[in-house]
Full PDB file with SEQRES, HELIX, SHEET, SSBOND, CRYST1, ORIGX, SCALE, CONECT and MASTER records, all heavy atoms in Angstrom:
SEQRES   1 A   43  THR ARG ALA LYS GLU VAL ARG ALA MET ALA GLU LYS MET          
SEQRES   2 A   43  ILE THR ILE ALA LYS ASP ASN SER LEU HIS SER LYS ARG          
SEQRES   3 A   43  LYS VAL MET ALA TYR ILE THR LYS GLU ASP VAL ALA LYS          
SEQRES   4 A   43  LYS LEU PHE ASP                                              
HELIX    1 AA1 ARG A    2  ALA A   17  1                                  16    
HELIX    2 AA2 LEU A   22  MET A   29  1                                   8    
HELIX    3 AA3 GLU A   35  PHE A   42  1                                   8    
CRYST1    1.000    1.000    1.000  90.00  90.00  90.00 P 1           1          
ORIGX1      1.000000  0.000000  0.000000        0.00000                         
ORIGX2      0.000000  1.000000  0.000000        0.00000                         
ORIGX3      0.000000  0.000000  1.000000        0.00000                         
SCALE1      1.000000  0.000000  0.000000        0.00000                         
SCALE2      0.000000  1.000000  0.000000        0.00000                         
SCALE3      0.000000  0.000000  1.000000        0.00000                         
ATOM      1  N   THR A   1     160.091 136.460 100.777  1.00  0.00           N  
ATOM      2  CA  THR A   1     160.107 137.890 100.544  1.00  0.00           C  
ATOM      3  C   THR A   1     159.640 138.238  99.109  1.00  0.00           C  
ATOM      4  O   THR A   1     158.824 139.262  98.951  1.00  0.00           O  
ATOM      5  CB  THR A   1     161.472 138.546 100.789  1.00  0.00           C  
ATOM      6  OG1 THR A   1     162.425 137.736 100.025  1.00  0.00           O  
ATOM      7  CG2 THR A   1     161.816 138.431 102.244  1.00  0.00           C  
ATOM      8  N   ARG A   2     159.987 137.486  98.110  1.00  0.00           N  
ATOM      9  CA  ARG A   2     159.522 137.679  96.780  1.00  0.00           C  
ATOM     10  C   ARG A   2     158.028 137.412  96.675  1.00  0.00           C  
ATOM     11  O   ARG A   2     157.260 138.052  96.015  1.00  0.00           O  
ATOM     12  CB  ARG A   2     160.215 136.756  95.826  1.00  0.00           C  
ATOM     13  CG  ARG A   2     161.649 137.248  95.503  1.00  0.00           C  
ATOM     14  CD  ARG A   2     162.225 136.374  94.427  1.00  0.00           C  
ATOM     15  NE  ARG A   2     163.588 136.764  94.131  1.00  0.00           N  
ATOM     16  CZ  ARG A   2     164.447 136.006  93.454  1.00  0.00           C  
ATOM     17  NH1 ARG A   2     164.115 134.902  92.842  1.00  0.00           N  
ATOM     18  NH2 ARG A   2     165.700 136.418  93.156  1.00  0.00           N  
ATOM     19  N   ALA A   3     157.650 136.392  97.380  1.00  0.00           N  
ATOM     20  CA  ALA A   3     156.179 135.991  97.360  1.00  0.00           C  
ATOM     21  C   ALA A   3     155.322 137.108  97.874  1.00  0.00           C  
ATOM     22  O   ALA A   3     154.190 137.382  97.421  1.00  0.00           O  
ATOM     23  CB  ALA A   3     155.927 134.677  98.090  1.00  0.00           C  
ATOM     24  N   LYS A   4     155.722 137.730  98.953  1.00  0.00           N  
ATOM     25  CA  LYS A   4     154.958 138.817  99.570  1.00  0.00           C  
ATOM     26  C   LYS A   4     154.934 140.032  98.589  1.00  0.00           C  
ATOM     27  O   LYS A   4     153.805 140.646  98.460  1.00  0.00           O  
ATOM     28  CB  LYS A   4     155.619 139.276 100.860  1.00  0.00           C  
ATOM     29  CG  LYS A   4     155.404 138.222 101.937  1.00  0.00           C  
ATOM     30  CD  LYS A   4     155.987 138.660 103.295  1.00  0.00           C  
ATOM     31  CE  LYS A   4     155.768 137.571 104.299  1.00  0.00           C  
ATOM     32  NZ  LYS A   4     156.394 137.877 105.566  1.00  0.00           N  
ATOM     33  N   GLU A   5     155.969 140.318  97.836  1.00  0.00           N  
ATOM     34  CA  GLU A   5     155.931 141.365  96.828  1.00  0.00           C  
ATOM     35  C   GLU A   5     154.952 140.977  95.669  1.00  0.00           C  
ATOM     36  O   GLU A   5     154.156 141.847  95.284  1.00  0.00           O  
ATOM     37  CB  GLU A   5     157.318 141.607  96.266  1.00  0.00           C  
ATOM     38  CG  GLU A   5     158.230 142.302  97.288  1.00  0.00           C  
ATOM     39  CD  GLU A   5     157.923 143.706  97.545  1.00  0.00           C  
ATOM     40  OE1 GLU A   5     157.511 144.405  96.633  1.00  0.00           O  
ATOM     41  OE2 GLU A   5     158.123 144.194  98.684  1.00  0.00           O  
ATOM     42  N   VAL A   6     155.015 139.740  95.267  1.00  0.00           N  
ATOM     43  CA  VAL A   6     154.185 139.230  94.233  1.00  0.00           C  
ATOM     44  C   VAL A   6     152.719 139.274  94.573  1.00  0.00           C  
ATOM     45  O   VAL A   6     151.870 139.691  93.745  1.00  0.00           O  
ATOM     46  CB  VAL A   6     154.591 137.841  93.720  1.00  0.00           C  
ATOM     47  CG1 VAL A   6     153.626 137.217  92.819  1.00  0.00           C  
ATOM     48  CG2 VAL A   6     155.952 137.837  93.027  1.00  0.00           C  
ATOM     49  N   ARG A   7     152.503 138.946  95.857  1.00  0.00           N  
ATOM     50  CA  ARG A   7     151.110 138.939  96.371  1.00  0.00           C  
ATOM     51  C   ARG A   7     150.512 140.339  96.256  1.00  0.00           C  
ATOM     52  O   ARG A   7     149.348 140.457  95.734  1.00  0.00           O  
ATOM     53  CB  ARG A   7     151.014 138.494  97.835  1.00  0.00           C  
ATOM     54  CG  ARG A   7     149.718 138.712  98.485  1.00  0.00           C  
ATOM     55  CD  ARG A   7     149.837 138.527  99.939  1.00  0.00           C  
ATOM     56  NE  ARG A   7     149.328 137.243 100.278  1.00  0.00           N  
ATOM     57  CZ  ARG A   7     149.377 136.766 101.521  1.00  0.00           C  
ATOM     58  NH1 ARG A   7     149.896 137.390 102.532  1.00  0.00           N  
ATOM     59  NH2 ARG A   7     148.931 135.531 101.720  1.00  0.00           N  
ATOM     60  N   ALA A   8     151.283 141.344  96.604  1.00  0.00           N  
ATOM     61  CA  ALA A   8     150.704 142.665  96.604  1.00  0.00           C  
ATOM     62  C   ALA A   8     150.335 143.152  95.151  1.00  0.00           C  
ATOM     63  O   ALA A   8     149.184 143.635  94.951  1.00  0.00           O  
ATOM     64  CB  ALA A   8     151.839 143.681  97.206  1.00  0.00           C  
ATOM     65  N   MET A   9     151.199 142.873  94.239  1.00  0.00           N  
ATOM     66  CA  MET A   9     150.964 143.374  92.856  1.00  0.00           C  
ATOM     67  C   MET A   9     149.868 142.450  92.201  1.00  0.00           C  
ATOM     68  O   MET A   9     149.009 142.946  91.400  1.00  0.00           O  
ATOM     69  CB  MET A   9     152.252 143.243  92.038  1.00  0.00           C  
ATOM     70  CG  MET A   9     153.135 144.419  92.175  1.00  0.00           C  
ATOM     71  SD  MET A   9     152.294 146.032  92.121  1.00  0.00           S  
ATOM     72  CE  MET A   9     151.614 146.070  90.594  1.00  0.00           C  
ATOM     73  N   ALA A  10     149.866 141.134  92.427  1.00  0.00           N  
ATOM     74  CA  ALA A  10     148.870 140.253  91.929  1.00  0.00           C  
ATOM     75  C   ALA A  10     147.505 140.664  92.373  1.00  0.00           C  
ATOM     76  O   ALA A  10     146.520 140.702  91.598  1.00  0.00           O  
ATOM     77  CB  ALA A  10     149.143 138.716  92.213  1.00  0.00           C  
ATOM     78  N   GLU A  11     147.281 140.969  93.671  1.00  0.00           N  
ATOM     79  CA  GLU A  11     146.014 141.354  94.194  1.00  0.00           C  
ATOM     80  C   GLU A  11     145.589 142.682  93.596  1.00  0.00           C  
ATOM     81  O   GLU A  11     144.393 142.820  93.294  1.00  0.00           O  
ATOM     82  CB  GLU A  11     146.051 141.397  95.728  1.00  0.00           C  
ATOM     83  CG  GLU A  11     146.329 139.978  96.181  1.00  0.00           C  
ATOM     84  CD  GLU A  11     145.744 139.703  97.610  1.00  0.00           C  
ATOM     85  OE1 GLU A  11     145.071 140.632  98.130  1.00  0.00           O  
ATOM     86  OE2 GLU A  11     145.890 138.567  98.027  1.00  0.00           O  
ATOM     87  N   LYS A  12     146.520 143.565  93.361  1.00  0.00           N  
ATOM     88  CA  LYS A  12     146.281 144.880  92.708  1.00  0.00           C  
ATOM     89  C   LYS A  12     145.722 144.584  91.258  1.00  0.00           C  
ATOM     90  O   LYS A  12     144.734 145.195  90.898  1.00  0.00           O  
ATOM     91  CB  LYS A  12     147.331 145.821  92.688  1.00  0.00           C  
ATOM     92  CG  LYS A  12     147.620 146.524  94.039  1.00  0.00           C  
ATOM     93  CD  LYS A  12     148.838 147.392  93.973  1.00  0.00           C  
ATOM     94  CE  LYS A  12     149.152 147.872  95.386  1.00  0.00           C  
ATOM     95  NZ  LYS A  12     150.462 148.557  95.456  1.00  0.00           N  
ATOM     96  N   MET A  13     146.372 143.727  90.600  1.00  0.00           N  
ATOM     97  CA  MET A  13     145.940 143.438  89.199  1.00  0.00           C  
ATOM     98  C   MET A  13     144.627 142.815  89.121  1.00  0.00           C  
ATOM     99  O   MET A  13     143.753 143.121  88.225  1.00  0.00           O  
ATOM    100  CB  MET A  13     147.049 142.527  88.454  1.00  0.00           C  
ATOM    101  CG  MET A  13     148.314 143.208  88.209  1.00  0.00           C  
ATOM    102  SD  MET A  13     148.125 144.572  86.999  1.00  0.00           S  
ATOM    103  CE  MET A  13     148.785 145.831  87.846  1.00  0.00           C  
ATOM    104  N   ILE A  14     144.266 141.934  90.047  1.00  0.00           N  
ATOM    105  CA  ILE A  14     142.982 141.322  89.983  1.00  0.00           C  
ATOM    106  C   ILE A  14     141.936 142.362  90.329  1.00  0.00           C  
ATOM    107  O   ILE A  14     140.825 142.327  89.723  1.00  0.00           O  
ATOM    108  CB  ILE A  14     142.873 140.099  91.086  1.00  0.00           C  
ATOM    109  CG1 ILE A  14     143.832 138.984  90.492  1.00  0.00           C  
ATOM    110  CG2 ILE A  14     141.501 139.562  91.150  1.00  0.00           C  
ATOM    111  CD1 ILE A  14     144.069 137.870  91.457  1.00  0.00           C  
ATOM    112  N   THR A  15     142.144 143.135  91.290  1.00  0.00           N  
ATOM    113  CA  THR A  15     141.244 144.224  91.705  1.00  0.00           C  
ATOM    114  C   THR A  15     140.984 145.114  90.496  1.00  0.00           C  
ATOM    115  O   THR A  15     139.735 145.491  90.205  1.00  0.00           O  
ATOM    116  CB  THR A  15     141.758 145.003  92.861  1.00  0.00           C  
ATOM    117  OG1 THR A  15     142.012 144.195  93.911  1.00  0.00           O  
ATOM    118  CG2 THR A  15     140.768 146.049  93.339  1.00  0.00           C  
ATOM    119  N   ILE A  16     141.978 145.558  89.711  1.00  0.00           N  
ATOM    120  CA  ILE A  16     141.812 146.351  88.558  1.00  0.00           C  
ATOM    121  C   ILE A  16     141.011 145.660  87.521  1.00  0.00           C  
ATOM    122  O   ILE A  16     140.112 146.173  86.911  1.00  0.00           O  
ATOM    123  CB  ILE A  16     143.179 146.887  88.061  1.00  0.00           C  
ATOM    124  CG1 ILE A  16     143.884 147.803  88.973  1.00  0.00           C  
ATOM    125  CG2 ILE A  16     143.032 147.427  86.636  1.00  0.00           C  
ATOM    126  CD1 ILE A  16     145.313 148.013  88.646  1.00  0.00           C  
ATOM    127  N   ALA A  17     141.320 144.360  87.271  1.00  0.00           N  
ATOM    128  CA  ALA A  17     140.666 143.568  86.239  1.00  0.00           C  
ATOM    129  C   ALA A  17     139.152 143.321  86.559  1.00  0.00           C  
ATOM    130  O   ALA A  17     138.358 143.002  85.633  1.00  0.00           O  
ATOM    131  CB  ALA A  17     141.395 142.228  86.070  1.00  0.00           C  
ATOM    132  N   LYS A  18     138.730 143.428  87.826  1.00  0.00           N  
ATOM    133  CA  LYS A  18     137.362 143.156  88.169  1.00  0.00           C  
ATOM    134  C   LYS A  18     136.424 144.253  87.561  1.00  0.00           C  
ATOM    135  O   LYS A  18     135.303 144.055  87.376  1.00  0.00           O  
ATOM    136  CB  LYS A  18     137.248 143.187  89.683  1.00  0.00           C  
ATOM    137  CG  LYS A  18     137.662 141.822  90.317  1.00  0.00           C  
ATOM    138  CD  LYS A  18     137.758 141.904  91.816  1.00  0.00           C  
ATOM    139  CE  LYS A  18     136.512 142.230  92.544  1.00  0.00           C  
ATOM    140  NZ  LYS A  18     136.672 142.127  94.032  1.00  0.00           N  
ATOM    141  N   ASP A  19     137.028 145.430  87.233  1.00  0.00           N  
ATOM    142  CA  ASP A  19     136.292 146.570  86.777  1.00  0.00           C  
ATOM    143  C   ASP A  19     135.954 146.307  85.271  1.00  0.00           C  
ATOM    144  O   ASP A  19     134.837 146.637  84.809  1.00  0.00           O  
ATOM    145  CB  ASP A  19     137.135 147.852  86.859  1.00  0.00           C  
ATOM    146  CG  ASP A  19     136.325 149.066  86.381  1.00  0.00           C  
ATOM    147  OD1 ASP A  19     135.102 149.047  86.422  1.00  0.00           O  
ATOM    148  OD2 ASP A  19     136.925 149.968  85.805  1.00  0.00           O  
ATOM    149  N   ASN A  20     136.785 145.697  84.496  1.00  0.00           N  
ATOM    150  CA  ASN A  20     136.597 145.313  83.107  1.00  0.00           C  
ATOM    151  C   ASN A  20     136.253 146.459  82.156  1.00  0.00           C  
ATOM    152  O   ASN A  20     135.396 146.342  81.258  1.00  0.00           O  
ATOM    153  CB  ASN A  20     135.533 144.222  83.029  1.00  0.00           C  
ATOM    154  CG  ASN A  20     135.752 143.347  81.673  1.00  0.00           C  
ATOM    155  OD1 ASN A  20     136.622 143.559  81.000  1.00  0.00           O  
ATOM    156  ND2 ASN A  20     134.785 142.542  81.405  1.00  0.00           N  
ATOM    157  N   SER A  21     136.873 147.664  82.383  1.00  0.00           N  
ATOM    158  CA  SER A  21     136.694 148.777  81.488  1.00  0.00           C  
ATOM    159  C   SER A  21     137.855 148.825  80.593  1.00  0.00           C  
ATOM    160  O   SER A  21     138.902 148.207  80.787  1.00  0.00           O  
ATOM    161  CB  SER A  21     136.513 150.076  82.334  1.00  0.00           C  
ATOM    162  OG  SER A  21     137.670 150.334  83.035  1.00  0.00           O  
ATOM    163  N   LEU A  22     137.847 149.783  79.590  1.00  0.00           N  
ATOM    164  CA  LEU A  22     138.977 150.001  78.731  1.00  0.00           C  
ATOM    165  C   LEU A  22     140.223 150.565  79.528  1.00  0.00           C  
ATOM    166  O   LEU A  22     141.299 150.069  79.281  1.00  0.00           O  
ATOM    167  CB  LEU A  22     138.583 151.040  77.612  1.00  0.00           C  
ATOM    168  CG  LEU A  22     139.681 151.332  76.623  1.00  0.00           C  
ATOM    169  CD1 LEU A  22     140.104 150.038  75.868  1.00  0.00           C  
ATOM    170  CD2 LEU A  22     139.164 152.403  75.592  1.00  0.00           C  
ATOM    171  N   HIS A  23     139.989 151.342  80.439  1.00  0.00           N  
ATOM    172  CA  HIS A  23     141.031 151.986  81.246  1.00  0.00           C  
ATOM    173  C   HIS A  23     141.703 150.866  82.068  1.00  0.00           C  
ATOM    174  O   HIS A  23     142.927 150.819  82.098  1.00  0.00           O  
ATOM    175  CB  HIS A  23     140.439 153.032  82.191  1.00  0.00           C  
ATOM    176  CG  HIS A  23     141.495 153.679  83.068  1.00  0.00           C  
ATOM    177  ND1 HIS A  23     142.589 154.364  82.601  1.00  0.00           N  
ATOM    178  CD2 HIS A  23     141.663 153.697  84.386  1.00  0.00           C  
ATOM    179  CE1 HIS A  23     143.388 154.807  83.480  1.00  0.00           C  
ATOM    180  NE2 HIS A  23     142.772 154.386  84.675  1.00  0.00           N  
ATOM    181  N   SER A  24     140.880 149.988  82.651  1.00  0.00           N  
ATOM    182  CA  SER A  24     141.461 148.912  83.507  1.00  0.00           C  
ATOM    183  C   SER A  24     142.253 147.922  82.584  1.00  0.00           C  
ATOM    184  O   SER A  24     143.406 147.405  82.959  1.00  0.00           O  
ATOM    185  CB  SER A  24     140.429 148.177  84.307  1.00  0.00           C  
ATOM    186  OG  SER A  24     139.486 147.616  83.417  1.00  0.00           O  
ATOM    187  N   LYS A  25     141.830 147.724  81.374  1.00  0.00           N  
ATOM    188  CA  LYS A  25     142.501 146.748  80.416  1.00  0.00           C  
ATOM    189  C   LYS A  25     143.884 147.387  80.010  1.00  0.00           C  
ATOM    190  O   LYS A  25     144.829 146.625  79.981  1.00  0.00           O  
ATOM    191  CB  LYS A  25     141.634 146.573  79.224  1.00  0.00           C  
ATOM    192  CG  LYS A  25     140.515 145.561  79.444  1.00  0.00           C  
ATOM    193  CD  LYS A  25     139.690 145.216  78.241  1.00  0.00           C  
ATOM    194  CE  LYS A  25     138.579 144.328  78.691  1.00  0.00           C  
ATOM    195  NZ  LYS A  25     137.752 143.985  77.489  1.00  0.00           N  
ATOM    196  N   ARG A  26     143.866 148.650  79.852  1.00  0.00           N  
ATOM    197  CA  ARG A  26     145.110 149.213  79.488  1.00  0.00           C  
ATOM    198  C   ARG A  26     146.128 149.280  80.591  1.00  0.00           C  
ATOM    199  O   ARG A  26     147.393 149.142  80.439  1.00  0.00           O  
ATOM    200  CB  ARG A  26     144.873 150.729  79.046  1.00  0.00           C  
ATOM    201  CG  ARG A  26     144.319 150.652  77.578  1.00  0.00           C  
ATOM    202  CD  ARG A  26     144.119 152.103  77.088  1.00  0.00           C  
ATOM    203  NE  ARG A  26     143.621 152.024  75.684  1.00  0.00           N  
ATOM    204  CZ  ARG A  26     143.080 153.088  75.018  1.00  0.00           C  
ATOM    205  NH1 ARG A  26     142.961 154.229  75.579  1.00  0.00           N  
ATOM    206  NH2 ARG A  26     142.761 152.902  73.775  1.00  0.00           N  
ATOM    207  N   LYS A  27     145.659 149.461  81.852  1.00  0.00           N  
ATOM    208  CA  LYS A  27     146.539 149.484  82.993  1.00  0.00           C  
ATOM    209  C   LYS A  27     147.090 148.088  83.287  1.00  0.00           C  
ATOM    210  O   LYS A  27     148.351 147.931  83.502  1.00  0.00           O  
ATOM    211  CB  LYS A  27     145.718 149.854  84.329  1.00  0.00           C  
ATOM    212  CG  LYS A  27     145.454 151.342  84.467  1.00  0.00           C  
ATOM    213  CD  LYS A  27     144.659 151.703  85.577  1.00  0.00           C  
ATOM    214  CE  LYS A  27     145.443 151.854  86.832  1.00  0.00           C  
ATOM    215  NZ  LYS A  27     144.583 152.398  87.922  1.00  0.00           N  
ATOM    216  N   VAL A  28     146.291 147.066  83.102  1.00  0.00           N  
ATOM    217  CA  VAL A  28     146.720 145.639  83.160  1.00  0.00           C  
ATOM    218  C   VAL A  28     147.703 145.223  82.100  1.00  0.00           C  
ATOM    219  O   VAL A  28     148.708 144.727  82.328  1.00  0.00           O  
ATOM    220  CB  VAL A  28     145.565 144.667  83.297  1.00  0.00           C  
ATOM    221  CG1 VAL A  28     146.068 143.206  83.160  1.00  0.00           C  
ATOM    222  CG2 VAL A  28     144.780 144.877  84.541  1.00  0.00           C  
ATOM    223  N   MET A  29     147.379 145.709  80.849  1.00  0.00           N  
ATOM    224  CA  MET A  29     148.231 145.355  79.740  1.00  0.00           C  
ATOM    225  C   MET A  29     149.678 146.056  79.830  1.00  0.00           C  
ATOM    226  O   MET A  29     150.644 145.485  79.308  1.00  0.00           O  
ATOM    227  CB  MET A  29     147.545 145.789  78.400  1.00  0.00           C  
ATOM    228  CG  MET A  29     146.446 144.898  78.019  1.00  0.00           C  
ATOM    229  SD  MET A  29     146.882 143.232  77.701  1.00  0.00           S  
ATOM    230  CE  MET A  29     147.434 143.411  75.986  1.00  0.00           C  
ATOM    231  N   ALA A  30     149.666 147.242  80.481  1.00  0.00           N  
ATOM    232  CA  ALA A  30     150.948 147.889  80.726  1.00  0.00           C  
ATOM    233  C   ALA A  30     151.808 147.110  81.742  1.00  0.00           C  
ATOM    234  O   ALA A  30     153.094 147.272  81.748  1.00  0.00           O  
ATOM    235  CB  ALA A  30     150.688 149.259  81.200  1.00  0.00           C  
ATOM    236  N   TYR A  31     151.255 146.243  82.580  1.00  0.00           N  
ATOM    237  CA  TYR A  31     151.975 145.597  83.656  1.00  0.00           C  
ATOM    238  C   TYR A  31     152.252 144.196  83.201  1.00  0.00           C  
ATOM    239  O   TYR A  31     153.432 143.692  83.344  1.00  0.00           O  
ATOM    240  CB  TYR A  31     151.306 145.653  84.961  1.00  0.00           C  
ATOM    241  CG  TYR A  31     152.245 145.289  86.153  1.00  0.00           C  
ATOM    242  CD1 TYR A  31     153.094 146.271  86.624  1.00  0.00           C  
ATOM    243  CD2 TYR A  31     152.189 144.051  86.625  1.00  0.00           C  
ATOM    244  CE1 TYR A  31     153.976 145.918  87.647  1.00  0.00           C  
ATOM    245  CE2 TYR A  31     153.055 143.668  87.669  1.00  0.00           C  
ATOM    246  CZ  TYR A  31     153.909 144.595  88.198  1.00  0.00           C  
ATOM    247  OH  TYR A  31     154.694 144.314  89.169  1.00  0.00           O  
ATOM    248  N   ILE A  32     151.306 143.381  82.831  1.00  0.00           N  
ATOM    249  CA  ILE A  32     151.441 142.001  82.449  1.00  0.00           C  
ATOM    250  C   ILE A  32     152.214 141.891  81.146  1.00  0.00           C  
ATOM    251  O   ILE A  32     151.941 142.592  80.198  1.00  0.00           O  
ATOM    252  CB  ILE A  32     149.995 141.348  82.319  1.00  0.00           C  
ATOM    253  CG1 ILE A  32     149.205 141.461  83.614  1.00  0.00           C  
ATOM    254  CG2 ILE A  32     150.191 139.870  81.894  1.00  0.00           C  
ATOM    255  CD1 ILE A  32     149.705 140.756  84.781  1.00  0.00           C  
ATOM    256  N   THR A  33     153.208 141.023  81.039  1.00  0.00           N  
ATOM    257  CA  THR A  33     154.120 140.940  79.946  1.00  0.00           C  
ATOM    258  C   THR A  33     153.577 140.095  78.731  1.00  0.00           C  
ATOM    259  O   THR A  33     154.086 140.319  77.697  1.00  0.00           O  
ATOM    260  CB  THR A  33     155.476 140.322  80.419  1.00  0.00           C  
ATOM    261  OG1 THR A  33     155.268 139.101  81.027  1.00  0.00           O  
ATOM    262  CG2 THR A  33     156.162 141.313  81.350  1.00  0.00           C  
ATOM    263  N   LYS A  34     152.530 139.266  78.994  1.00  0.00           N  
ATOM    264  CA  LYS A  34     151.979 138.447  77.915  1.00  0.00           C  
ATOM    265  C   LYS A  34     150.535 138.817  77.704  1.00  0.00           C  
ATOM    266  O   LYS A  34     149.709 138.848  78.611  1.00  0.00           O  
ATOM    267  CB  LYS A  34     152.120 136.990  78.246  1.00  0.00           C  
ATOM    268  CG  LYS A  34     153.485 136.407  78.323  1.00  0.00           C  
ATOM    269  CD  LYS A  34     153.542 135.015  78.566  1.00  0.00           C  
ATOM    270  CE  LYS A  34     154.937 134.441  78.736  1.00  0.00           C  
ATOM    271  NZ  LYS A  34     154.993 132.996  79.107  1.00  0.00           N  
ATOM    272  N   GLU A  35     150.161 139.028  76.409  1.00  0.00           N  
ATOM    273  CA  GLU A  35     148.898 139.429  76.036  1.00  0.00           C  
ATOM    274  C   GLU A  35     147.793 138.347  76.352  1.00  0.00           C  
ATOM    275  O   GLU A  35     146.670 138.671  76.893  1.00  0.00           O  
ATOM    276  CB  GLU A  35     148.729 139.816  74.672  1.00  0.00           C  
ATOM    277  CG  GLU A  35     147.503 140.532  74.169  1.00  0.00           C  
ATOM    278  CD  GLU A  35     147.658 141.154  72.766  1.00  0.00           C  
ATOM    279  OE1 GLU A  35     148.708 141.602  72.435  1.00  0.00           O  
ATOM    280  OE2 GLU A  35     146.600 141.070  72.167  1.00  0.00           O  
ATOM    281  N   ASP A  36     148.122 137.071  76.068  1.00  0.00           N  
ATOM    282  CA  ASP A  36     147.157 135.972  76.381  1.00  0.00           C  
ATOM    283  C   ASP A  36     146.905 135.825  77.828  1.00  0.00           C  
ATOM    284  O   ASP A  36     145.822 135.435  78.268  1.00  0.00           O  
ATOM    285  CB  ASP A  36     147.660 134.698  75.748  1.00  0.00           C  
ATOM    286  CG  ASP A  36     148.966 134.286  76.178  1.00  0.00           C  
ATOM    287  OD1 ASP A  36     149.823 135.160  76.317  1.00  0.00           O  
ATOM    288  OD2 ASP A  36     149.189 133.050  76.332  1.00  0.00           O  
ATOM    289  N   VAL A  37     147.916 136.093  78.758  1.00  0.00           N  
ATOM    290  CA  VAL A  37     147.755 135.997  80.209  1.00  0.00           C  
ATOM    291  C   VAL A  37     146.844 137.193  80.657  1.00  0.00           C  
ATOM    292  O   VAL A  37     145.959 136.916  81.569  1.00  0.00           O  
ATOM    293  CB  VAL A  37     149.157 136.061  80.858  1.00  0.00           C  
ATOM    294  CG1 VAL A  37     148.912 136.072  82.399  1.00  0.00           C  
ATOM    295  CG2 VAL A  37     149.971 134.905  80.428  1.00  0.00           C  
ATOM    296  N   ALA A  38     146.955 138.325  80.065  1.00  0.00           N  
ATOM    297  CA  ALA A  38     146.076 139.421  80.443  1.00  0.00           C  
ATOM    298  C   ALA A  38     144.583 139.126  80.049  1.00  0.00           C  
ATOM    299  O   ALA A  38     143.663 139.373  80.797  1.00  0.00           O  
ATOM    300  CB  ALA A  38     146.566 140.698  79.822  1.00  0.00           C  
ATOM    301  N   LYS A  39     144.412 138.515  78.887  1.00  0.00           N  
ATOM    302  CA  LYS A  39     143.055 138.032  78.492  1.00  0.00           C  
ATOM    303  C   LYS A  39     142.509 137.042  79.377  1.00  0.00           C  
ATOM    304  O   LYS A  39     141.341 137.085  79.794  1.00  0.00           O  
ATOM    305  CB  LYS A  39     143.167 137.514  77.028  1.00  0.00           C  
ATOM    306  CG  LYS A  39     141.816 137.129  76.449  1.00  0.00           C  
ATOM    307  CD  LYS A  39     141.974 136.807  74.998  1.00  0.00           C  
ATOM    308  CE  LYS A  39     140.678 136.261  74.365  1.00  0.00           C  
ATOM    309  NZ  LYS A  39     139.453 136.783  74.908  1.00  0.00           N  
ATOM    310  N   LYS A  40     143.381 136.076  79.848  1.00  0.00           N  
ATOM    311  CA  LYS A  40     142.936 135.067  80.822  1.00  0.00           C  
ATOM    312  C   LYS A  40     142.488 135.693  82.057  1.00  0.00           C  
ATOM    313  O   LYS A  40     141.551 135.346  82.738  1.00  0.00           O  
ATOM    314  CB  LYS A  40     144.044 134.088  81.009  1.00  0.00           C  
ATOM    315  CG  LYS A  40     143.671 132.954  81.981  1.00  0.00           C  
ATOM    316  CD  LYS A  40     144.887 132.041  82.174  1.00  0.00           C  
ATOM    317  CE  LYS A  40     144.527 130.926  83.272  1.00  0.00           C  
ATOM    318  NZ  LYS A  40     145.644 130.044  83.539  1.00  0.00           N  
ATOM    319  N   LEU A  41     143.291 136.808  82.515  1.00  0.00           N  
ATOM    320  CA  LEU A  41     142.969 137.513  83.796  1.00  0.00           C  
ATOM    321  C   LEU A  41     141.534 138.078  83.706  1.00  0.00           C  
ATOM    322  O   LEU A  41     140.791 137.994  84.691  1.00  0.00           O  
ATOM    323  CB  LEU A  41     144.001 138.500  84.005  1.00  0.00           C  
ATOM    324  CG  LEU A  41     143.837 139.450  85.219  1.00  0.00           C  
ATOM    325  CD1 LEU A  41     143.813 138.654  86.544  1.00  0.00           C  
ATOM    326  CD2 LEU A  41     144.893 140.492  85.312  1.00  0.00           C  
ATOM    327  N   PHE A  42     141.251 138.739  82.555  1.00  0.00           N  
ATOM    328  CA  PHE A  42     139.935 139.398  82.428  1.00  0.00           C  
ATOM    329  C   PHE A  42     138.800 138.366  82.218  1.00  0.00           C  
ATOM    330  O   PHE A  42     137.709 138.548  82.752  1.00  0.00           O  
ATOM    331  CB  PHE A  42     139.962 140.360  81.260  1.00  0.00           C  
ATOM    332  CG  PHE A  42     140.525 141.702  81.685  1.00  0.00           C  
ATOM    333  CD1 PHE A  42     141.846 141.965  81.354  1.00  0.00           C  
ATOM    334  CD2 PHE A  42     139.770 142.598  82.415  1.00  0.00           C  
ATOM    335  CE1 PHE A  42     142.382 143.222  81.740  1.00  0.00           C  
ATOM    336  CE2 PHE A  42     140.326 143.835  82.720  1.00  0.00           C  
ATOM    337  CZ  PHE A  42     141.701 144.056  82.426  1.00  0.00           C  
ATOM    338  N   ASP A  43     139.045 137.285  81.430  1.00  0.00           N  
ATOM    339  CA  ASP A  43     138.000 136.411  81.113  1.00  0.00           C  
ATOM    340  C   ASP A  43     137.713 135.252  82.207  1.00  0.00           C  
ATOM    341  O   ASP A  43     136.604 134.957  82.392  1.00  0.00           O  
ATOM    342  CB  ASP A  43     138.319 135.656  79.792  1.00  0.00           C  
ATOM    343  CG  ASP A  43     138.395 136.635  78.639  1.00  0.00           C  
ATOM    344  OD1 ASP A  43     137.840 137.810  78.822  1.00  0.00           O  
ATOM    345  OD2 ASP A  43     138.994 136.293  77.507  1.00  0.00           O  
TER     346      ASP A  43                                                      
MASTER        0    0    0    3    0    0    0    6  345    1    0    4          
END                                                                             
């Protein structure tokens, strides 16, 4: 049950990160708790 919840949010974060605009970076940074992980997501 936790995995299904994580799947939904992880896929949303990847979809947002595919855009690679300033707005998408701010949305991802507001959700992901570590800055280096957010950088890894975009890069």
